[in-house]
Amino acid sequence: MEKERITMDTCNCTIIHEDIVNRVKESMPQEEKLYDLAELFKVFGDTTRIKIIYALFESEMCVCDIAALLGMNQSAISHQLRVLKQAGLAKYRREGKVVYYSLDDEHVKNIFDQGYTHIAHK
């Protein structure tokens, strides 16, 4: 049986297992969802944000306390918290003049735990 040649984007490829290619192609999430997932994982690509996420596992905290814990200035912590909020990983509540941050939901801890488990078993 002769293999079918198809063009996939810029690659001219010979399909070896057409049934597998078609099945995977049908199950592939929409491009926009994959882009969003890649953007989410980029947020986890910064050590300071990882430290903040870990701290927020333990307790809801204000910017001042996170800054003291990590030995950083408040503006740097505020910037990283803004990134975490925009990604839907952190949330905040205001109590008078103090703003307290926490993880948005249990999914954040699950993502972190899965990644940590993966690197720990190597």
PDB file of N, CA and C in Angstrom:
ATOM      1  N   MET A   1       0.829  -1.177   0.000  1.00  0.00           N
ATOM      2  CA  MET A   1       0.000   0.000   0.000  1.00  0.00           C
ATOM      3  C   MET A   1       0.879   1.247   0.000  1.00  0.00           C
ATOM      4  N   GLU A   2       0.653   2.119  -0.920  1.00  0.00           N
ATOM      5  CA  GLU A   2       1.439   3.342  -1.049  1.00  0.00           C
ATOM      6  C   GLU A   2       0.973   4.366  -0.018  1.00  0.00           C
ATOM      7  N   LYS A   3       1.916   5.045   0.600  1.00  0.00           N
ATOM      8  CA  LYS A   3       1.592   6.044   1.623  1.00  0.00           C
ATOM      9  C   LYS A   3       1.151   7.342   0.974  1.00  0.00           C
ATOM     10  N   GLU A   4       0.134   7.955   1.577  1.00  0.00           N
ATOM     11  CA  GLU A   4      -0.383   9.225   1.073  1.00  0.00           C
ATOM     12  C   GLU A   4       0.534  10.357   1.494  1.00  0.00           C
ATOM     13  N   ARG A   5       0.789  11.277   0.579  1.00  0.00           N
ATOM     14  CA  ARG A   5       1.587  12.457   0.915  1.00  0.00           C
ATOM     15  C   ARG A   5       0.643  13.617   1.122  1.00  0.00           C
ATOM     16  N   ILE A   6       0.801  14.279   2.256  1.00  0.00           N
ATOM     17  CA  ILE A   6      -0.011  15.461   2.516  1.00  0.00           C
ATOM     18  C   ILE A   6       0.893  16.594   2.957  1.00  0.00           C
ATOM     19  N   THR A   7       0.377  17.798   2.872  1.00  0.00           N
ATOM     20  CA  THR A   7       1.127  18.959   3.328  1.00  0.00           C
ATOM     21  C   THR A   7       0.514  19.433   4.628  1.00  0.00           C
ATOM     22  N   MET A   8       1.307  19.513   5.663  1.00  0.00           N
ATOM     23  CA  MET A   8       0.870  20.014   6.964  1.00  0.00           C
ATOM     24  C   MET A   8       1.662  21.274   7.230  1.00  0.00           C
ATOM     25  N   ASP A   9       1.001  22.417   7.141  1.00  0.00           N
ATOM     26  CA  ASP A   9       1.629  23.722   7.278  1.00  0.00           C
ATOM     27  C   ASP A   9       2.796  23.827   6.304  1.00  0.00           C
ATOM     28  N   THR A  10       4.008  23.965   6.809  1.00  0.00           N
ATOM     29  CA  THR A  10       5.171  24.132   5.938  1.00  0.00           C
ATOM     30  C   THR A  10       5.909  22.816   5.701  1.00  0.00           C
ATOM     31  N   CYS A  11       5.432  21.744   6.305  1.00  0.00           N
ATOM     32  CA  CYS A  11       6.101  20.443   6.208  1.00  0.00           C
ATOM     33  C   CYS A  11       5.385  19.550   5.205  1.00  0.00           C
ATOM     34  N   ASN A  12       6.102  19.021   4.277  1.00  0.00           N
ATOM     35  CA  ASN A  12       5.545  18.054   3.337  1.00  0.00           C
ATOM     36  C   ASN A  12       5.927  16.681   3.866  1.00  0.00           C
ATOM     37  N   CYS A  13       4.959  15.977   4.452  1.00  0.00           N
ATOM     38  CA  CYS A  13       5.245  14.737   5.175  1.00  0.00           C
ATOM     39  C   CYS A  13       4.515  13.553   4.576  1.00  0.00           C
ATOM     40  N   THR A  14       5.087  12.388   4.767  1.00  0.00           N
ATOM     41  CA  THR A  14       4.418  11.144   4.403  1.00  0.00           C
ATOM     42  C   THR A  14       3.776  10.595   5.669  1.00  0.00           C
ATOM     43  N   ILE A  15       2.464  10.378   5.599  1.00  0.00           N
ATOM     44  CA  ILE A  15       1.765   9.819   6.760  1.00  0.00           C
ATOM     45  C   ILE A  15       2.017   8.322   6.805  1.00  0.00           C
ATOM     46  N   ILE A  16       2.520   7.855   7.903  1.00  0.00           N
ATOM     47  CA  ILE A  16       2.787   6.434   8.094  1.00  0.00           C
ATOM     48  C   ILE A  16       1.568   5.762   8.714  1.00  0.00           C
ATOM     49  N   HIS A  17       0.991   6.394   9.725  1.00  0.00           N
ATOM     50  CA  HIS A  17      -0.153   5.843  10.459  1.00  0.00           C
ATOM     51  C   HIS A  17      -1.312   6.823  10.384  1.00  0.00           C
ATOM     52  N   GLU A  18      -1.994   6.827   9.257  1.00  0.00           N
ATOM     53  CA  GLU A  18      -3.059   7.800   9.003  1.00  0.00           C
ATOM     54  C   GLU A  18      -4.161   7.743  10.055  1.00  0.00           C
ATOM     55  N   ASP A  19      -4.504   6.541  10.511  1.00  0.00           N
ATOM     56  CA  ASP A  19      -5.564   6.410  11.513  1.00  0.00           C
ATOM     57  C   ASP A  19      -5.192   7.120  12.815  1.00  0.00           C
ATOM     58  N   ILE A  20      -3.941   7.003  13.209  1.00  0.00           N
ATOM     59  CA  ILE A  20      -3.481   7.668  14.432  1.00  0.00           C
ATOM     60  C   ILE A  20      -3.476   9.179  14.247  1.00  0.00           C
ATOM     61  N   VAL A  21      -2.962   9.636  13.124  1.00  0.00           N
ATOM     62  CA  VAL A  21      -2.918  11.073  12.831  1.00  0.00           C
ATOM     63  C   VAL A  21      -4.323  11.654  12.867  1.00  0.00           C
ATOM     64  N   ASN A  22      -5.267  10.987  12.223  1.00  0.00           N
ATOM     65  CA  ASN A  22      -6.645  11.486  12.183  1.00  0.00           C
ATOM     66  C   ASN A  22      -7.294  11.491  13.562  1.00  0.00           C
ATOM     67  N   ARG A  23      -7.062  10.434  14.340  1.00  0.00           N
ATOM     68  CA  ARG A  23      -7.641  10.348  15.687  1.00  0.00           C
ATOM     69  C   ARG A  23      -7.103  11.454  16.584  1.00  0.00           C
ATOM     70  N   VAL A  24      -5.792  11.661  16.545  1.00  0.00           N
ATOM     71  CA  VAL A  24      -5.182  12.698  17.380  1.00  0.00           C
ATOM     72  C   VAL A  24      -5.629  14.084  16.927  1.00  0.00           C
ATOM     73  N   LYS A  25      -5.694  14.279  15.621  1.00  0.00           N
ATOM     74  CA  LYS A  25      -6.127  15.570  15.082  1.00  0.00           C
ATOM     75  C   LYS A  25      -7.543  15.905  15.539  1.00  0.00           C
ATOM     76  N   GLU A  26      -8.434  14.915  15.541  1.00  0.00           N
ATOM     77  CA  GLU A  26      -9.813  15.121  15.976  1.00  0.00           C
ATOM     78  C   GLU A  26      -9.915  15.445  17.461  1.00  0.00           C
ATOM     79  N   SER A  27      -9.020  14.882  18.256  1.00  0.00           N
ATOM     80  CA  SER A  27      -9.081  15.103  19.707  1.00  0.00           C
ATOM     81  C   SER A  27      -8.300  16.339  20.157  1.00  0.00           C
ATOM     82  N   MET A  28      -7.513  16.911  19.254  1.00  0.00           N
ATOM     83  CA  MET A  28      -6.678  18.070  19.595  1.00  0.00           C
ATOM     84  C   MET A  28      -7.564  19.250  20.007  1.00  0.00           C
ATOM     85  N   PRO A  29      -7.279  19.858  21.170  1.00  0.00           N
ATOM     86  CA  PRO A  29      -8.047  21.037  21.587  1.00  0.00           C
ATOM     87  C   PRO A  29      -7.870  22.193  20.601  1.00  0.00           C
ATOM     88  N   GLN A  30      -8.786  23.139  20.671  1.00  0.00           N
ATOM     89  CA  GLN A  30      -8.707  24.312  19.808  1.00  0.00           C
ATOM     90  C   GLN A  30      -7.408  25.058  20.062  1.00  0.00           C
ATOM     91  N   GLU A  31      -6.896  25.695  19.026  1.00  0.00           N
ATOM     92  CA  GLU A  31      -5.633  26.435  19.092  1.00  0.00           C
ATOM     93  C   GLU A  31      -5.650  27.458  20.232  1.00  0.00           C
ATOM     94  N   GLU A  32      -6.770  28.153  20.399  1.00  0.00           N
ATOM     95  CA  GLU A  32      -6.885  29.175  21.446  1.00  0.00           C
ATOM     96  C   GLU A  32      -6.717  28.577  22.839  1.00  0.00           C
ATOM     97  N   LYS A  33      -7.276  27.383  23.064  1.00  0.00           N
ATOM     98  CA  LYS A  33      -7.145  26.719  24.372  1.00  0.00           C
ATOM     99  C   LYS A  33      -5.697  26.304  24.618  1.00  0.00           C
ATOM    100  N   LEU A  34      -5.033  25.825  23.594  1.00  0.00           N
ATOM    101  CA  LEU A  34      -3.623  25.436  23.739  1.00  0.00           C
ATOM    102  C   LEU A  34      -2.749  26.656  24.011  1.00  0.00           C
ATOM    103  N   TYR A  35      -3.068  27.763  23.354  1.00  0.00           N
ATOM    104  CA  TYR A  35      -2.347  29.012  23.604  1.00  0.00           C
ATOM    105  C   TYR A  35      -2.531  29.430  25.065  1.00  0.00           C
ATOM    106  N   ASP A  36      -3.775  29.393  25.554  1.00  0.00           N
ATOM    107  CA  ASP A  36      -4.061  29.764  26.948  1.00  0.00           C
ATOM    108  C   ASP A  36      -3.309  28.866  27.925  1.00  0.00           C
ATOM    109  N   LEU A  37      -3.235  27.576  27.609  1.00  0.00           N
ATOM    110  CA  LEU A  37      -2.508  26.636  28.468  1.00  0.00           C
ATOM    111  C   LEU A  37      -1.018  26.967  28.490  1.00  0.00           C
ATOM    112  N   ALA A  38      -0.461  27.280  27.337  1.00  0.00           N
ATOM    113  CA  ALA A  38       0.957  27.655  27.268  1.00  0.00           C
ATOM    114  C   ALA A  38       1.209  28.925  28.083  1.00  0.00           C
ATOM    115  N   GLU A  39       0.301  29.894  27.995  1.00  0.00           N
ATOM    116  CA  GLU A  39       0.436  31.125  28.775  1.00  0.00           C
ATOM    117  C   GLU A  39       0.379  30.836  30.272  1.00  0.00           C
ATOM    118  N   LEU A  40      -0.497  29.928  30.680  1.00  0.00           N
ATOM    119  CA  LEU A  40      -0.578  29.549  32.098  1.00  0.00           C
ATOM    120  C   LEU A  40       0.756  28.972  32.569  1.00  0.00           C
ATOM    121  N   PHE A  41       1.320  28.069  31.786  1.00  0.00           N
ATOM    122  CA  PHE A  41       2.580  27.458  32.193  1.00  0.00           C
ATOM    123  C   PHE A  41       3.733  28.465  32.211  1.00  0.00           C
ATOM    124  N   LYS A  42       3.666  29.500  31.404  1.00  0.00           N
ATOM    125  CA  LYS A  42       4.686  30.549  31.451  1.00  0.00           C
ATOM    126  C   LYS A  42       4.702  31.227  32.811  1.00  0.00           C
ATOM    127  N   VAL A  43       3.526  31.381  33.414  1.00  0.00           N
ATOM    128  CA  VAL A  43       3.441  32.024  34.728  1.00  0.00           C
ATOM    129  C   VAL A  43       4.223  31.212  35.759  1.00  0.00           C
ATOM    130  N   PHE A  44       4.219  29.899  35.614  1.00  0.00           N
ATOM    131  CA  PHE A  44       4.960  29.030  36.528  1.00  0.00           C
ATOM    132  C   PHE A  44       6.458  29.036  36.235  1.00  0.00           C
ATOM    133  N   GLY A  45       6.875  29.764  35.206  1.00  0.00           N
ATOM    134  CA  GLY A  45       8.270  29.776  34.784  1.00  0.00           C
ATOM    135  C   GLY A  45       9.143  30.795  35.489  1.00  0.00           C
ATOM    136  N   ASP A  46       8.685  31.344  36.600  1.00  0.00           N
ATOM    137  CA  ASP A  46       9.459  32.347  37.328  1.00  0.00           C
ATOM    138  C   ASP A  46       9.614  31.899  38.779  1.00  0.00           C
ATOM    139  N   THR A  47      10.847  31.839  39.265  1.00  0.00           N
ATOM    140  CA  THR A  47      11.131  31.343  40.609  1.00  0.00           C
ATOM    141  C   THR A  47      10.445  32.181  41.686  1.00  0.00           C
ATOM    142  N   THR A  48      10.411  33.494  41.515  1.00  0.00           N
ATOM    143  CA  THR A  48       9.752  34.334  42.517  1.00  0.00           C
ATOM    144  C   THR A  48       8.268  33.999  42.605  1.00  0.00           C
ATOM    145  N   ARG A  49       7.617  33.829  41.466  1.00  0.00           N
ATOM    146  CA  ARG A  49       6.194  33.478  41.493  1.00  0.00           C
ATOM    147  C   ARG A  49       5.981  32.107  42.115  1.00  0.00           C
ATOM    148  N   ILE A  50       6.882  31.177  41.859  1.00  0.00           N
ATOM    149  CA  ILE A  50       6.785  29.848  42.477  1.00  0.00           C
ATOM    150  C   ILE A  50       6.899  29.971  43.996  1.00  0.00           C
ATOM    151  N   LYS A  51       7.816  30.793  44.472  1.00  0.00           N
ATOM    152  CA  LYS A  51       7.960  30.999  45.922  1.00  0.00           C
ATOM    153  C   LYS A  51       6.703  31.625  46.520  1.00  0.00           C
ATOM    154  N   ILE A  52       6.133  32.582  45.815  1.00  0.00           N
ATOM    155  CA  ILE A  52       4.904  33.220  46.291  1.00  0.00           C
ATOM    156  C   ILE A  52       3.768  32.196  46.340  1.00  0.00           C
ATOM    157  N   ILE A  53       3.638  31.406  45.305  1.00  0.00           N
ATOM    158  CA  ILE A  53       2.601  30.373  45.289  1.00  0.00           C
ATOM    159  C   ILE A  53       2.779  29.433  46.469  1.00  0.00           C
ATOM    160  N   TYR A  54       4.019  29.014  46.707  1.00  0.00           N
ATOM    161  CA  TYR A  54       4.271  28.119  47.834  1.00  0.00           C
ATOM    162  C   TYR A  54       3.896  28.782  49.160  1.00  0.00           C
ATOM    163  N   ALA A  55       4.269  30.030  49.320  1.00  0.00           N
ATOM    164  CA  ALA A  55       3.936  30.752  50.555  1.00  0.00           C
ATOM    165  C   ALA A  55       2.426  30.818  50.744  1.00  0.00           C
ATOM    166  N   LEU A  56       1.701  31.043  49.652  1.00  0.00           N
ATOM    167  CA  LEU A  56       0.249  31.160  49.750  1.00  0.00           C
ATOM    168  C   LEU A  56      -0.440  29.814  49.969  1.00  0.00           C
ATOM    169  N   PHE A  57       0.284  28.697  49.772  1.00  0.00           N
ATOM    170  CA  PHE A  57      -0.252  27.387  50.175  1.00  0.00           C
ATOM    171  C   PHE A  57      -0.434  27.377  51.679  1.00  0.00           C
ATOM    172  N   GLU A  58       0.566  27.956  52.336  1.00  0.00           N
ATOM    173  CA  GLU A  58       0.631  27.887  53.793  1.00  0.00           C
ATOM    174  C   GLU A  58      -0.332  28.840  54.471  1.00  0.00           C
ATOM    175  N   SER A  59      -0.482  30.033  53.883  1.00  0.00           N
ATOM    176  CA  SER A  59      -1.318  31.035  54.538  1.00  0.00           C
ATOM    177  C   SER A  59      -1.648  32.172  53.589  1.00  0.00           C
ATOM    178  N   GLU A  60      -2.786  32.782  53.821  1.00  0.00           N
ATOM    179  CA  GLU A  60      -3.107  34.048  53.184  1.00  0.00           C
ATOM    180  C   GLU A  60      -2.098  35.059  53.719  1.00  0.00           C
ATOM    181  N   MET A  61      -1.581  35.918  52.855  1.00  0.00           N
ATOM    182  CA  MET A  61      -0.538  36.855  53.284  1.00  0.00           C
ATOM    183  C   MET A  61      -0.709  38.210  52.612  1.00  0.00           C
ATOM    184  N   CYS A  62      -0.196  39.249  53.264  1.00  0.00           N
ATOM    185  CA  CYS A  62      -0.174  40.582  52.665  1.00  0.00           C
ATOM    186  C   CYS A  62       1.167  40.787  51.944  1.00  0.00           C
ATOM    187  N   VAL A  63       1.231  41.802  51.114  1.00  0.00           N
ATOM    188  CA  VAL A  63       2.433  42.083  50.325  1.00  0.00           C
ATOM    189  C   VAL A  63       3.645  42.278  51.225  1.00  0.00           C
ATOM    190  N   CYS A  64       3.470  43.030  52.309  1.00  0.00           N
ATOM    191  CA  CYS A  64       4.595  43.299  53.226  1.00  0.00           C
ATOM    192  C   CYS A  64       5.195  42.005  53.780  1.00  0.00           C
ATOM    193  N   ASP A  65       4.323  41.084  54.184  1.00  0.00           N
ATOM    194  CA  ASP A  65       4.807  39.825  54.755  1.00  0.00           C
ATOM    195  C   ASP A  65       5.484  38.947  53.702  1.00  0.00           C
ATOM    196  N   ILE A  66       4.931  38.930  52.504  1.00  0.00           N
ATOM    197  CA  ILE A  66       5.567  38.148  51.434  1.00  0.00           C
ATOM    198  C   ILE A  66       6.930  38.746  51.102  1.00  0.00           C
ATOM    199  N   ALA A  67       7.005  40.071  51.038  1.00  0.00           N
ATOM    200  CA  ALA A  67       8.277  40.746  50.755  1.00  0.00           C
ATOM    201  C   ALA A  67       9.318  40.412  51.820  1.00  0.00           C
ATOM    202  N   ALA A  68       8.909  40.435  53.084  1.00  0.00           N
ATOM    203  CA  ALA A  68       9.832  40.103  54.181  1.00  0.00           C
ATOM    204  C   ALA A  68      10.277  38.645  54.080  1.00  0.00           C
ATOM    205  N   LEU A  69       9.334  37.767  53.809  1.00  0.00           N
ATOM    206  CA  LEU A  69       9.640  36.337  53.697  1.00  0.00           C
ATOM    207  C   LEU A  69      10.671  36.073  52.608  1.00  0.00           C
ATOM    208  N   LEU A  70      10.500  36.726  51.456  1.00  0.00           N
ATOM    209  CA  LEU A  70      11.374  36.462  50.313  1.00  0.00           C
ATOM    210  C   LEU A  70      12.577  37.401  50.225  1.00  0.00           C
ATOM    211  N   GLY A  71      12.642  38.381  51.129  1.00  0.00           N
ATOM    212  CA  GLY A  71      13.760  39.316  51.116  1.00  0.00           C
ATOM    213  C   GLY A  71      13.764  40.191  49.878  1.00  0.00           C
ATOM    214  N   MET A  72      12.576  40.623  49.482  1.00  0.00           N
ATOM    215  CA  MET A  72      12.436  41.452  48.279  1.00  0.00           C
ATOM    216  C   MET A  72      11.666  42.713  48.624  1.00  0.00           C
ATOM    217  N   ASN A  73      11.669  43.684  47.699  1.00  0.00           N
ATOM    218  CA  ASN A  73      10.904  44.897  47.967  1.00  0.00           C
ATOM    219  C   ASN A  73       9.436  44.685  47.601  1.00  0.00           C
ATOM    220  N   GLN A  74       8.586  45.523  48.183  1.00  0.00           N
ATOM    221  CA  GLN A  74       7.148  45.377  48.019  1.00  0.00           C
ATOM    222  C   GLN A  74       6.699  45.561  46.570  1.00  0.00           C
ATOM    223  N   SER A  75       7.335  46.468  45.850  1.00  0.00           N
ATOM    224  CA  SER A  75       6.900  46.703  44.470  1.00  0.00           C
ATOM    225  C   SER A  75       7.168  45.485  43.591  1.00  0.00           C
ATOM    226  N   ALA A  76       8.273  44.793  43.831  1.00  0.00           N
ATOM    227  CA  ALA A  76       8.567  43.578  43.064  1.00  0.00           C
ATOM    228  C   ALA A  76       7.539  42.488  43.375  1.00  0.00           C
ATOM    229  N   ILE A  77       7.176  42.365  44.633  1.00  0.00           N
ATOM    230  CA  ILE A  77       6.172  41.373  45.030  1.00  0.00           C
ATOM    231  C   ILE A  77       4.814  41.740  44.447  1.00  0.00           C
ATOM    232  N   SER A  78       4.460  43.023  44.509  1.00  0.00           N
ATOM    233  CA  SER A  78       3.181  43.472  43.947  1.00  0.00           C
ATOM    234  C   SER A  78       3.093  43.165  42.462  1.00  0.00           C
ATOM    235  N   HIS A  79       4.186  43.371  41.755  1.00  0.00           N
ATOM    236  CA  HIS A  79       4.214  43.069  40.325  1.00  0.00           C
ATOM    237  C   HIS A  79       3.951  41.585  40.081  1.00  0.00           C
ATOM    238  N   GLN A  80       4.616  40.729  40.825  1.00  0.00           N
ATOM    239  CA  GLN A  80       4.448  39.284  40.636  1.00  0.00           C
ATOM    240  C   GLN A  80       3.042  38.839  41.038  1.00  0.00           C
ATOM    241  N   LEU A  81       2.485  39.447  42.072  1.00  0.00           N
ATOM    242  CA  LEU A  81       1.113  39.125  42.469  1.00  0.00           C
ATOM    243  C   LEU A  81       0.116  39.551  41.386  1.00  0.00           C
ATOM    244  N   ARG A  82       0.389  40.660  40.731  1.00  0.00           N
ATOM    245  CA  ARG A  82      -0.463  41.117  39.634  1.00  0.00           C
ATOM    246  C   ARG A  82      -0.473  40.079  38.505  1.00  0.00           C
ATOM    247  N   VAL A  83       0.703  39.541  38.191  1.00  0.00           N
ATOM    248  CA  VAL A  83       0.804  38.503  37.164  1.00  0.00           C
ATOM    249  C   VAL A  83       0.001  37.270  37.586  1.00  0.00           C
ATOM    250  N   LEU A  84       0.130  36.876  38.845  1.00  0.00           N
ATOM    251  CA  LEU A  84      -0.603  35.717  39.355  1.00  0.00           C
ATOM    252  C   LEU A  84      -2.114  35.945  39.323  1.00  0.00           C
ATOM    253  N   LYS A  85      -2.539  37.160  39.660  1.00  0.00           N
ATOM    254  CA  LYS A  85      -3.971  37.492  39.614  1.00  0.00           C
ATOM    255  C   LYS A  85      -4.487  37.449  38.182  1.00  0.00           C
ATOM    256  N   GLN A  86      -3.739  38.048  37.248  1.00  0.00           N
ATOM    257  CA  GLN A  86      -4.165  38.081  35.842  1.00  0.00           C
ATOM    258  C   GLN A  86      -4.281  36.673  35.253  1.00  0.00           C
ATOM    259  N   ALA A  87      -3.464  35.765  35.753  1.00  0.00           N
ATOM    260  CA  ALA A  87      -3.498  34.377  35.279  1.00  0.00           C
ATOM    261  C   ALA A  87      -4.566  33.557  35.997  1.00  0.00           C
ATOM    262  N   GLY A  88      -5.244  34.167  36.956  1.00  0.00           N
ATOM    263  CA  GLY A  88      -6.284  33.460  37.696  1.00  0.00           C
ATOM    264  C   GLY A  88      -5.747  32.506  38.740  1.00  0.00           C
ATOM    265  N   LEU A  89      -4.501  32.722  39.168  1.00  0.00           N
ATOM    266  CA  LEU A  89      -3.879  31.833  40.151  1.00  0.00           C
ATOM    267  C   LEU A  89      -3.969  32.369  41.570  1.00  0.00           C
ATOM    268  N   ALA A  90      -4.133  33.675  41.712  1.00  0.00           N
ATOM    269  CA  ALA A  90      -4.218  34.290  43.035  1.00  0.00           C
ATOM    270  C   ALA A  90      -5.431  35.215  43.082  1.00  0.00           C
ATOM    271  N   LYS A  91      -5.907  35.427  44.279  1.00  0.00           N
ATOM    272  CA  LYS A  91      -7.010  36.363  44.497  1.00  0.00           C
ATOM    273  C   LYS A  91      -6.664  37.187  45.724  1.00  0.00           C
ATOM    274  N   TYR A  92      -7.436  38.233  45.970  1.00  0.00           N
ATOM    275  CA  TYR A  92      -7.161  39.082  47.118  1.00  0.00           C
ATOM    276  C   TYR A  92      -8.453  39.518  47.782  1.00  0.00           C
ATOM    277  N   ARG A  93      -8.292  39.957  49.021  1.00  0.00           N
ATOM    278  CA  ARG A  93      -9.381  40.577  49.754  1.00  0.00           C
ATOM    279  C   ARG A  93      -8.791  41.737  50.535  1.00  0.00           C
ATOM    280  N   ARG A  94      -9.593  42.749  50.719  1.00  0.00           N
ATOM    281  CA  ARG A  94      -9.147  43.952  51.418  1.00  0.00           C
ATOM    282  C   ARG A  94      -9.751  43.965  52.818  1.00  0.00           C
ATOM    283  N   GLU A  95      -8.895  44.273  53.781  1.00  0.00           N
ATOM    284  CA  GLU A  95      -9.344  44.440  55.163  1.00  0.00           C
ATOM    285  C   GLU A  95      -8.788  45.776  55.638  1.00  0.00           C
ATOM    286  N   GLY A  96      -9.607  46.814  55.586  1.00  0.00           N
ATOM    287  CA  GLY A  96      -9.129  48.163  55.873  1.00  0.00           C
ATOM    288  C   GLY A  96      -8.144  48.575  54.791  1.00  0.00           C
ATOM    289  N   LYS A  97      -6.946  48.949  55.216  1.00  0.00           N
ATOM    290  CA  LYS A  97      -5.913  49.362  54.259  1.00  0.00           C
ATOM    291  C   LYS A  97      -5.028  48.200  53.810  1.00  0.00           C
ATOM    292  N   VAL A  98      -5.202  47.052  54.413  1.00  0.00           N
ATOM    293  CA  VAL A  98      -4.340  45.906  54.109  1.00  0.00           C
ATOM    294  C   VAL A  98      -5.037  44.987  53.099  1.00  0.00           C
ATOM    295  N   VAL A  99      -4.263  44.559  52.090  1.00  0.00           N
ATOM    296  CA  VAL A  99      -4.756  43.626  51.086  1.00  0.00           C
ATOM    297  C   VAL A  99      -4.102  42.273  51.340  1.00  0.00           C
ATOM    298  N   TYR A 100      -4.932  41.247  51.454  1.00  0.00           N
ATOM    299  CA  TYR A 100      -4.450  39.893  51.702  1.00  0.00           C
ATOM    300  C   TYR A 100      -4.611  39.060  50.440  1.00  0.00           C
ATOM    301  N   TYR A 101      -3.585  38.282  50.129  1.00  0.00           N
ATOM    302  CA  TYR A 101      -3.580  37.439  48.933  1.00  0.00           C
ATOM    303  C   TYR A 101      -3.666  35.974  49.336  1.00  0.00           C
ATOM    304  N   SER A 102      -4.309  35.210  48.472  1.00  0.00           N
ATOM    305  CA  SER A 102      -4.395  33.765  48.659  1.00  0.00           C
ATOM    306  C   SER A 102      -4.458  33.119  47.272  1.00  0.00           C
ATOM    307  N   LEU A 103      -4.338  31.800  47.250  1.00  0.00           N
ATOM    308  CA  LEU A 103      -4.467  31.084  45.986  1.00  0.00           C
ATOM    309  C   LEU A 103      -5.917  31.137  45.537  1.00  0.00           C
ATOM    310  N   ASP A 104      -6.123  31.192  44.243  1.00  0.00           N
ATOM    311  CA  ASP A 104      -7.487  31.318  43.717  1.00  0.00           C
ATOM    312  C   ASP A 104      -8.338  30.101  44.045  1.00  0.00           C
ATOM    313  N   ASP A 105      -7.779  28.901  43.877  1.00  0.00           N
ATOM    314  CA  ASP A 105      -8.527  27.683  44.199  1.00  0.00           C
ATOM    315  C   ASP A 105      -7.562  26.510  44.328  1.00  0.00           C
ATOM    316  N   GLU A 106      -8.113  25.351  44.613  1.00  0.00           N
ATOM    317  CA  GLU A 106      -7.311  24.142  44.839  1.00  0.00           C
ATOM    318  C   GLU A 106      -6.563  23.691  43.579  1.00  0.00           C
ATOM    319  N   HIS A 107      -7.043  24.103  42.394  1.00  0.00           N
ATOM    320  CA  HIS A 107      -6.353  23.718  41.153  1.00  0.00           C
ATOM    321  C   HIS A 107      -4.911  24.195  41.140  1.00  0.00           C
ATOM    322  N   VAL A 108      -4.661  25.365  41.693  1.00  0.00           N
ATOM    323  CA  VAL A 108      -3.308  25.928  41.689  1.00  0.00           C
ATOM    324  C   VAL A 108      -2.372  25.004  42.457  1.00  0.00           C
ATOM    325  N   LYS A 109      -2.794  24.552  43.615  1.00  0.00           N
ATOM    326  CA  LYS A 109      -1.981  23.633  44.414  1.00  0.00           C
ATOM    327  C   LYS A 109      -1.771  22.318  43.667  1.00  0.00           C
ATOM    328  N   ASN A 110      -2.809  21.843  42.997  1.00  0.00           N
ATOM    329  CA  ASN A 110      -2.689  20.591  42.239  1.00  0.00           C
ATOM    330  C   ASN A 110      -1.668  20.710  41.113  1.00  0.00           C
ATOM    331  N   ILE A 111      -1.690  21.824  40.389  1.00  0.00           N
ATOM    332  CA  ILE A 111      -0.726  22.041  39.302  1.00  0.00           C
ATOM    333  C   ILE A 111       0.687  22.054  39.873  1.00  0.00           C
ATOM    334  N   PHE A 112       0.881  22.810  40.950  1.00  0.00           N
ATOM    335  CA  PHE A 112       2.183  22.904  41.603  1.00  0.00           C
ATOM    336  C   PHE A 112       2.638  21.521  42.078  1.00  0.00           C
ATOM    337  N   ASP A 113       1.761  20.811  42.786  1.00  0.00           N
ATOM    338  CA  ASP A 113       2.105  19.495  43.333  1.00  0.00           C
ATOM    339  C   ASP A 113       2.483  18.506  42.235  1.00  0.00           C
ATOM    340  N   GLN A 114       1.763  18.525  41.124  1.00  0.00           N
ATOM    341  CA  GLN A 114       2.087  17.620  40.017  1.00  0.00           C
ATOM    342  C   GLN A 114       3.472  17.923  39.455  1.00  0.00           C
ATOM    343  N   GLY A 115       3.767  19.206  39.268  1.00  0.00           N
ATOM    344  CA  GLY A 115       5.091  19.593  38.776  1.00  0.00           C
ATOM    345  C   GLY A 115       6.192  19.210  39.746  1.00  0.00           C
ATOM    346  N   TYR A 116       5.948  19.448  41.039  1.00  0.00           N
ATOM    347  CA  TYR A 116       6.956  19.137  42.052  1.00  0.00           C
ATOM    348  C   TYR A 116       7.185  17.639  42.141  1.00  0.00           C
ATOM    349  N   THR A 117       6.111  16.858  42.074  1.00  0.00           N
ATOM    350  CA  THR A 117       6.223  15.404  42.092  1.00  0.00           C
ATOM    351  C   THR A 117       7.042  14.918  40.899  1.00  0.00           C
ATOM    352  N   HIS A 118       6.805  15.542  39.742  1.00  0.00           N
ATOM    353  CA  HIS A 118       7.537  15.149  38.535  1.00  0.00           C
ATOM    354  C   HIS A 118       9.035  15.383  38.677  1.00  0.00           C
ATOM    355  N   ILE A 119       9.425  16.558  39.181  1.00  0.00           N
ATOM    356  CA  ILE A 119      10.869  16.826  39.293  1.00  0.00           C
ATOM    357  C   ILE A 119      11.498  16.068  40.464  1.00  0.00           C
ATOM    358  N   ALA A 120      10.720  15.748  41.485  1.00  0.00           N
ATOM    359  CA  ALA A 120      11.263  15.072  42.671  1.00  0.00           C
ATOM    360  C   ALA A 120      11.588  13.609  42.405  1.00  0.00           C
ATOM    361  N   HIS A 121      10.930  12.972  41.461  1.00  0.00           N
ATOM    362  CA  HIS A 121      11.161  11.546  41.247  1.00  0.00           C
ATOM    363  C   HIS A 121      12.357  11.266  40.342  1.00  0.00           C
ATOM    364  N   LYS A 122      12.987  12.310  39.818  1.00  0.00           N
ATOM    365  CA  LYS A 122      14.135  12.102  38.927  1.00  0.00           C
ATOM    366  C   LYS A 122      15.386  11.793  39.710  1.00  0.00           C
TER     367      LYS A 122
END
